Amino acid sequence: MAPGWPVVLTEGDVRLRRLRRRDNQAWMILRAQNASWLEPWDATSPVPVRGPRPSFGEFVRSLNAQARSGSALPFALDHQGVLVGQLTVSGIAYGSLRSASIGYWVSRHVAGRGIMPTAVAMAADHCFGVLGLHRVEVNIRPENLPSLRVVEKLGFREEGVRKRYLHIGDEWCDHRSFALTVDELPPGGLLARWRSRR
């Protein structure tokens, strides 16, 4: 189990919590309503997947297994008590690396309201403070302007382009890589800096 999991992180109307099987209907509706908004950025398998797609319950069980192994923190994202997206801290590594990646999506109807920068700041502070990580990164398609604004608002440092980094749709896509190390954090953490900039 990852240190500090399960956990609920809250800032104003924004809450990160574990995804539950009872989120099934709300999650399915949200993804259907946002299909065209999210599909250009959703990772896909380069190998054809045979057989039925996993059920939502199987999806949640898989996320819980990753959390139990300590390799991921799979958060549901709520705004004003309503599910509006997800944020996952993945690839958690300790030892001499002490690093992780943050990936996220949010419903179009709440995009641009500061919800995702708040969520990313809370998750990053948790990674640095509770998990004791040294580095957190975010990788974003160059065309994904809303996601690029999130890391810009939070002051993540750009590290360059990862060529053909992730499979999306029918191709391997380049991503811009952004990161912060613990020694780059402002006093009080990333959330404190984000509060001061709002």
C-alpha atoms as a PDB file:
ATOM      1  CA  MET A   1       0.000   0.000   0.000  1.00  0.00           C
ATOM      2  CA  ALA A   2       1.318   3.453  -0.879  1.00  0.00           C
ATOM      3  CA  PRO A   3       2.003   5.594   2.197  1.00  0.00           C
ATOM      4  CA  GLY A   4      -0.901   7.906   2.931  1.00  0.00           C
ATOM      5  CA  TRP A   5      -3.481   5.847   1.009  1.00  0.00           C
ATOM      6  CA  PRO A   6      -6.412   5.887   1.006  1.00  0.00           C
ATOM      7  CA  VAL A   7      -6.591   9.626   1.566  1.00  0.00           C
ATOM      8  CA  VAL A   8      -8.997  12.483   0.893  1.00  0.00           C
ATOM      9  CA  LEU A   9      -7.442  15.798  -0.148  1.00  0.00           C
ATOM     10  CA  THR A  10      -9.626  18.912  -0.044  1.00  0.00           C
ATOM     11  CA  GLU A  11      -9.219  22.555  -0.985  1.00  0.00           C
ATOM     12  CA  GLY A  12     -12.410  24.625  -1.026  1.00  0.00           C
ATOM     13  CA  ASP A  13     -14.900  22.949  -3.370  1.00  0.00           C
ATOM     14  CA  VAL A  14     -12.269  20.629  -4.875  1.00  0.00           C
ATOM     15  CA  ARG A  15     -11.797  17.133  -3.461  1.00  0.00           C
ATOM     16  CA  LEU A  16      -9.581  14.195  -4.418  1.00  0.00           C
ATOM     17  CA  ARG A  17     -10.728  10.781  -3.126  1.00  0.00           C
ATOM     18  CA  ARG A  18     -10.564   7.148  -4.147  1.00  0.00           C
ATOM     19  CA  LEU A  19     -12.802   6.052  -7.019  1.00  0.00           C
ATOM     20  CA  ARG A  20     -15.567   3.696  -5.880  1.00  0.00           C
ATOM     21  CA  ARG A  21     -17.732   1.147  -7.652  1.00  0.00           C
ATOM     22  CA  ARG A  22     -20.796   3.225  -6.806  1.00  0.00           C
ATOM     23  CA  ASP A  23     -19.344   5.996  -9.041  1.00  0.00           C
ATOM     24  CA  ASN A  24     -20.200   3.776 -12.020  1.00  0.00           C
ATOM     25  CA  GLN A  25     -23.216   5.669 -13.381  1.00  0.00           C
ATOM     26  CA  ALA A  26     -21.803   9.158 -12.803  1.00  0.00           C
ATOM     27  CA  TRP A  27     -18.438   8.164 -14.330  1.00  0.00           C
ATOM     28  CA  MET A  28     -20.056   6.551 -17.392  1.00  0.00           C
ATOM     29  CA  ILE A  29     -22.288   9.574 -18.019  1.00  0.00           C
ATOM     30  CA  LEU A  30     -19.366  11.968 -17.595  1.00  0.00           C
ATOM     31  CA  ARG A  31     -17.152  10.044 -20.021  1.00  0.00           C
ATOM     32  CA  ALA A  32     -19.965   9.787 -22.587  1.00  0.00           C
ATOM     33  CA  GLN A  33     -20.706  13.520 -22.361  1.00  0.00           C
ATOM     34  CA  ASN A  34     -17.007  14.317 -22.799  1.00  0.00           C
ATOM     35  CA  ALA A  35     -16.066  11.723 -25.427  1.00  0.00           C
ATOM     36  CA  SER A  36     -15.050  14.206 -28.136  1.00  0.00           C
ATOM     37  CA  TRP A  37     -13.315  16.447 -25.561  1.00  0.00           C
ATOM     38  CA  LEU A  38     -11.185  13.622 -24.105  1.00  0.00           C
ATOM     39  CA  GLU A  39     -10.646  11.152 -26.951  1.00  0.00           C
ATOM     40  CA  PRO A  40      -7.761  13.070 -28.632  1.00  0.00           C
ATOM     41  CA  TRP A  41      -5.719  12.715 -25.408  1.00  0.00           C
ATOM     42  CA  ASP A  42      -6.722   9.244 -24.159  1.00  0.00           C
ATOM     43  CA  ALA A  43      -3.961   6.623 -24.217  1.00  0.00           C
ATOM     44  CA  THR A  44      -4.722   3.500 -26.251  1.00  0.00           C
ATOM     45  CA  SER A  45      -3.168   0.072 -26.652  1.00  0.00           C
ATOM     46  CA  PRO A  46      -0.944  -0.413 -29.715  1.00  0.00           C
ATOM     47  CA  VAL A  47      -1.878  -4.112 -29.602  1.00  0.00           C
ATOM     48  CA  PRO A  48      -5.504  -4.966 -30.438  1.00  0.00           C
ATOM     49  CA  VAL A  49      -7.393  -5.865 -27.262  1.00  0.00           C
ATOM     50  CA  ARG A  50      -9.467  -9.003 -27.685  1.00  0.00           C
ATOM     51  CA  GLY A  51     -12.563  -9.914 -25.768  1.00  0.00           C
ATOM     52  CA  PRO A  52     -14.997  -7.733 -23.838  1.00  0.00           C
ATOM     53  CA  ARG A  53     -13.900  -4.460 -22.307  1.00  0.00           C
ATOM     54  CA  PRO A  54     -13.434  -4.573 -18.529  1.00  0.00           C
ATOM     55  CA  SER A  55     -16.479  -3.626 -16.478  1.00  0.00           C
ATOM     56  CA  PHE A  56     -16.371  -0.513 -14.335  1.00  0.00           C
ATOM     57  CA  GLY A  57     -16.073  -2.738 -11.268  1.00  0.00           C
ATOM     58  CA  GLU A  58     -13.028  -4.464 -12.796  1.00  0.00           C
ATOM     59  CA  PHE A  59     -11.561  -1.042 -13.637  1.00  0.00           C
ATOM     60  CA  VAL A  60     -11.939   0.094 -10.020  1.00  0.00           C
ATOM     61  CA  ARG A  61     -10.482  -3.191  -8.735  1.00  0.00           C
ATOM     62  CA  SER A  62      -7.464  -2.719 -10.993  1.00  0.00           C
ATOM     63  CA  LEU A  63      -6.932   0.822  -9.673  1.00  0.00           C
ATOM     64  CA  ASN A  64      -7.255  -0.414  -6.091  1.00  0.00           C
ATOM     65  CA  ALA A  65      -4.684  -3.146  -6.782  1.00  0.00           C
ATOM     66  CA  GLN A  66      -2.240  -0.515  -8.077  1.00  0.00           C
ATOM     67  CA  ALA A  67      -2.807   1.556  -4.926  1.00  0.00           C
ATOM     68  CA  ARG A  68      -2.289  -1.504  -2.707  1.00  0.00           C
ATOM     69  CA  SER A  69       0.994  -2.279  -4.479  1.00  0.00           C
ATOM     70  CA  GLY A  70       2.143   1.301  -3.902  1.00  0.00           C
ATOM     71  CA  SER A  71       2.630   1.981  -7.622  1.00  0.00           C
ATOM     72  CA  ALA A  72      -0.227   4.481  -8.056  1.00  0.00           C
ATOM     73  CA  LEU A  73      -2.661   6.832  -6.325  1.00  0.00           C
ATOM     74  CA  PRO A  74      -5.873   6.719  -8.394  1.00  0.00           C
ATOM     75  CA  PHE A  75      -8.054   9.671  -7.407  1.00  0.00           C
ATOM     76  CA  ALA A  76     -11.593  10.607  -8.352  1.00  0.00           C
ATOM     77  CA  LEU A  77     -11.994  14.380  -8.680  1.00  0.00           C
ATOM     78  CA  ASP A  78     -15.082  16.038  -7.184  1.00  0.00           C
ATOM     79  CA  HIS A  79     -16.188  19.646  -7.464  1.00  0.00           C
ATOM     80  CA  GLN A  80     -18.930  20.803  -5.098  1.00  0.00           C
ATOM     81  CA  GLY A  81     -19.536  17.149  -4.198  1.00  0.00           C
ATOM     82  CA  VAL A  82     -20.019  16.009  -7.822  1.00  0.00           C
ATOM     83  CA  LEU A  83     -17.651  13.779  -9.809  1.00  0.00           C
ATOM     84  CA  VAL A  84     -16.031  15.868 -12.585  1.00  0.00           C
ATOM     85  CA  GLY A  85     -12.864  13.947 -13.489  1.00  0.00           C
ATOM     86  CA  GLN A  86      -9.895  11.864 -12.418  1.00  0.00           C
ATOM     87  CA  LEU A  87      -6.290  12.367 -11.420  1.00  0.00           C
ATOM     88  CA  THR A  88      -3.824   9.500 -11.189  1.00  0.00           C
ATOM     89  CA  VAL A  89      -0.357   9.537  -9.718  1.00  0.00           C
ATOM     90  CA  SER A  90       1.333   6.648 -11.532  1.00  0.00           C
ATOM     91  CA  GLY A  91       4.737   5.061 -11.909  1.00  0.00           C
ATOM     92  CA  ILE A  92       5.588   5.711  -8.271  1.00  0.00           C
ATOM     93  CA  ALA A  93       9.196   4.693  -7.729  1.00  0.00           C
ATOM     94  CA  TYR A  94      11.297   4.841  -4.598  1.00  0.00           C
ATOM     95  CA  GLY A  95      14.962   3.981  -4.103  1.00  0.00           C
ATOM     96  CA  SER A  96      17.381   6.315  -5.859  1.00  0.00           C
ATOM     97  CA  LEU A  97      14.674   7.701  -8.204  1.00  0.00           C
ATOM     98  CA  ARG A  98      11.794   8.662  -5.848  1.00  0.00           C
ATOM     99  CA  SER A  99       9.613   9.905  -8.695  1.00  0.00           C
ATOM    100  CA  ALA A 100       6.083   9.711 -10.115  1.00  0.00           C
ATOM    101  CA  SER A 101       3.939  11.005 -12.982  1.00  0.00           C
ATOM    102  CA  ILE A 102       0.609  12.794 -12.730  1.00  0.00           C
ATOM    103  CA  GLY A 103      -2.084  12.344 -15.372  1.00  0.00           C
ATOM    104  CA  TYR A 104      -5.564  13.830 -15.331  1.00  0.00           C
ATOM    105  CA  TRP A 105      -8.800  14.594 -17.128  1.00  0.00           C
ATOM    106  CA  VAL A 106     -11.704  16.876 -16.286  1.00  0.00           C
ATOM    107  CA  SER A 107     -15.166  17.444 -17.723  1.00  0.00           C
ATOM    108  CA  ARG A 108     -15.360  20.228 -20.283  1.00  0.00           C
ATOM    109  CA  HIS A 109     -18.213  21.935 -18.425  1.00  0.00           C
ATOM    110  CA  VAL A 110     -15.900  22.809 -15.502  1.00  0.00           C
ATOM    111  CA  ALA A 111     -12.625  23.307 -17.408  1.00  0.00           C
ATOM    112  CA  GLY A 112     -10.929  26.665 -16.943  1.00  0.00           C
ATOM    113  CA  ARG A 113     -12.238  27.247 -13.409  1.00  0.00           C
ATOM    114  CA  GLY A 114      -9.008  26.402 -11.602  1.00  0.00           C
ATOM    115  CA  ILE A 115     -10.234  22.970 -10.512  1.00  0.00           C
ATOM    116  CA  MET A 116      -7.487  20.958 -12.165  1.00  0.00           C
ATOM    117  CA  PRO A 117      -4.573  23.203 -11.099  1.00  0.00           C
ATOM    118  CA  THR A 118      -5.907  22.920  -7.544  1.00  0.00           C
ATOM    119  CA  ALA A 119      -6.112  19.117  -7.828  1.00  0.00           C
ATOM    120  CA  VAL A 120      -2.631  18.772  -9.334  1.00  0.00           C
ATOM    121  CA  ALA A 121      -1.164  21.061  -6.645  1.00  0.00           C
ATOM    122  CA  MET A 122      -2.789  18.980  -3.872  1.00  0.00           C
ATOM    123  CA  ALA A 123      -1.593  15.705  -5.396  1.00  0.00           C
ATOM    124  CA  ALA A 124       1.952  16.982  -5.957  1.00  0.00           C
ATOM    125  CA  ASP A 125       2.188  18.311  -2.392  1.00  0.00           C
ATOM    126  CA  HIS A 126       0.987  14.902  -1.145  1.00  0.00           C
ATOM    127  CA  CYS A 127       3.660  13.169  -3.240  1.00  0.00           C
ATOM    128  CA  PHE A 128       6.428  15.399  -1.930  1.00  0.00           C
ATOM    129  CA  GLY A 129       5.238  15.618   1.676  1.00  0.00           C
ATOM    130  CA  VAL A 130       3.663  12.268   2.533  1.00  0.00           C
ATOM    131  CA  LEU A 131       5.283   9.918  -0.004  1.00  0.00           C
ATOM    132  CA  GLY A 132       8.648  11.662   0.287  1.00  0.00           C
ATOM    133  CA  LEU A 133       9.201  11.773  -3.472  1.00  0.00           C
ATOM    134  CA  HIS A 134      11.978  13.852  -5.016  1.00  0.00           C
ATOM    135  CA  ARG A 135      10.406  14.504  -8.447  1.00  0.00           C
ATOM    136  CA  VAL A 136       6.945  14.736 -10.010  1.00  0.00           C
ATOM    137  CA  GLU A 137       6.361  15.004 -13.747  1.00  0.00           C
ATOM    138  CA  VAL A 138       3.455  15.686 -16.113  1.00  0.00           C
ATOM    139  CA  ASN A 139       3.569  14.728 -19.807  1.00  0.00           C
ATOM    140  CA  ILE A 140       1.216  16.530 -22.200  1.00  0.00           C
ATOM    141  CA  ARG A 141       0.488  16.430 -25.935  1.00  0.00           C
ATOM    142  CA  PRO A 142       1.750  19.690 -27.521  1.00  0.00           C
ATOM    143  CA  GLU A 143      -1.740  20.321 -28.941  1.00  0.00           C
ATOM    144  CA  ASN A 144      -3.499  19.979 -25.571  1.00  0.00           C
ATOM    145  CA  LEU A 145      -3.682  23.658 -24.675  1.00  0.00           C
ATOM    146  CA  PRO A 146      -5.982  23.312 -21.618  1.00  0.00           C
ATOM    147  CA  SER A 147      -3.583  20.813 -19.994  1.00  0.00           C
ATOM    148  CA  LEU A 148      -0.574  22.952 -20.861  1.00  0.00           C
ATOM    149  CA  ARG A 149      -2.217  25.848 -19.025  1.00  0.00           C
ATOM    150  CA  VAL A 150      -2.459  23.712 -15.864  1.00  0.00           C
ATOM    151  CA  VAL A 151       1.297  23.171 -15.587  1.00  0.00           C
ATOM    152  CA  GLU A 152       1.982  26.761 -16.636  1.00  0.00           C
ATOM    153  CA  LYS A 153      -0.236  28.094 -13.843  1.00  0.00           C
ATOM    154  CA  LEU A 154       1.550  25.893 -11.297  1.00  0.00           C
ATOM    155  CA  GLY A 155       5.065  26.774 -12.408  1.00  0.00           C
ATOM    156  CA  PHE A 156       6.217  23.349 -13.586  1.00  0.00           C
ATOM    157  CA  ARG A 157       9.552  23.491 -15.400  1.00  0.00           C
ATOM    158  CA  GLU A 158       9.577  22.269 -19.014  1.00  0.00           C
ATOM    159  CA  GLU A 159      12.157  19.570 -19.718  1.00  0.00           C
ATOM    160  CA  GLY A 160      11.674  19.052 -23.449  1.00  0.00           C
ATOM    161  CA  VAL A 161       9.824  16.793 -25.864  1.00  0.00           C
ATOM    162  CA  ARG A 162       9.517  13.047 -25.461  1.00  0.00           C
ATOM    163  CA  LYS A 163       9.358  11.748 -29.019  1.00  0.00           C
ATOM    164  CA  ARG A 164       6.657   9.163 -29.764  1.00  0.00           C
ATOM    165  CA  TYR A 165       6.108   8.828 -26.008  1.00  0.00           C
ATOM    166  CA  LEU A 166       2.569   7.455 -25.737  1.00  0.00           C
ATOM    167  CA  HIS A 167       0.194   5.548 -28.012  1.00  0.00           C
ATOM    168  CA  ILE A 168      -3.002   7.523 -28.698  1.00  0.00           C
ATOM    169  CA  GLY A 169      -5.514   6.606 -31.382  1.00  0.00           C
ATOM    170  CA  ASP A 170      -3.531   4.962 -34.160  1.00  0.00           C
ATOM    171  CA  GLU A 171      -0.109   6.498 -33.566  1.00  0.00           C
ATOM    172  CA  TRP A 172       2.742   7.068 -31.152  1.00  0.00           C
ATOM    173  CA  CYS A 173       2.499  10.702 -30.079  1.00  0.00           C
ATOM    174  CA  ASP A 174       5.065  13.228 -28.923  1.00  0.00           C
ATOM    175  CA  HIS A 175       4.579  14.766 -25.473  1.00  0.00           C
ATOM    176  CA  ARG A 176       6.028  17.814 -23.793  1.00  0.00           C
ATOM    177  CA  SER A 177       7.494  16.900 -20.403  1.00  0.00           C
ATOM    178  CA  PHE A 178       7.188  19.121 -17.320  1.00  0.00           C
ATOM    179  CA  ALA A 179       8.567  18.444 -13.847  1.00  0.00           C
ATOM    180  CA  LEU A 180       9.249  19.762 -10.369  1.00  0.00           C
ATOM    181  CA  THR A 181      11.699  18.506  -7.787  1.00  0.00           C
ATOM    182  CA  VAL A 182      11.182  18.916  -4.076  1.00  0.00           C
ATOM    183  CA  ASP A 183      13.945  21.530  -3.844  1.00  0.00           C
ATOM    184  CA  GLU A 184      12.043  23.695  -6.373  1.00  0.00           C
ATOM    185  CA  LEU A 185       8.921  23.891  -4.219  1.00  0.00           C
ATOM    186  CA  PRO A 186       7.992  27.315  -2.869  1.00  0.00           C
ATOM    187  CA  PRO A 187       7.546  27.807   0.898  1.00  0.00           C
ATOM    188  CA  GLY A 188       4.313  26.122   1.959  1.00  0.00           C
ATOM    189  CA  GLY A 189       4.211  23.938  -1.166  1.00  0.00           C
ATOM    190  CA  LEU A 190       2.637  24.085  -4.600  1.00  0.00           C
ATOM    191  CA  LEU A 191      -0.902  24.625  -3.325  1.00  0.00           C
ATOM    192  CA  ALA A 192       0.196  27.672  -1.347  1.00  0.00           C
ATOM    193  CA  ARG A 193       1.780  29.169  -4.482  1.00  0.00           C
ATOM    194  CA  TRP A 194      -1.348  28.428  -6.504  1.00  0.00           C
ATOM    195  CA  ARG A 195      -3.534  30.103  -3.850  1.00  0.00           C
ATOM    196  CA  SER A 196      -1.343  33.205  -4.011  1.00  0.00           C
ATOM    197  CA  ARG A 197      -1.633  33.398  -7.810  1.00  0.00           C
ATOM    198  CA  ARG A 198      -5.415  33.022  -8.005  1.00  0.00           C
END
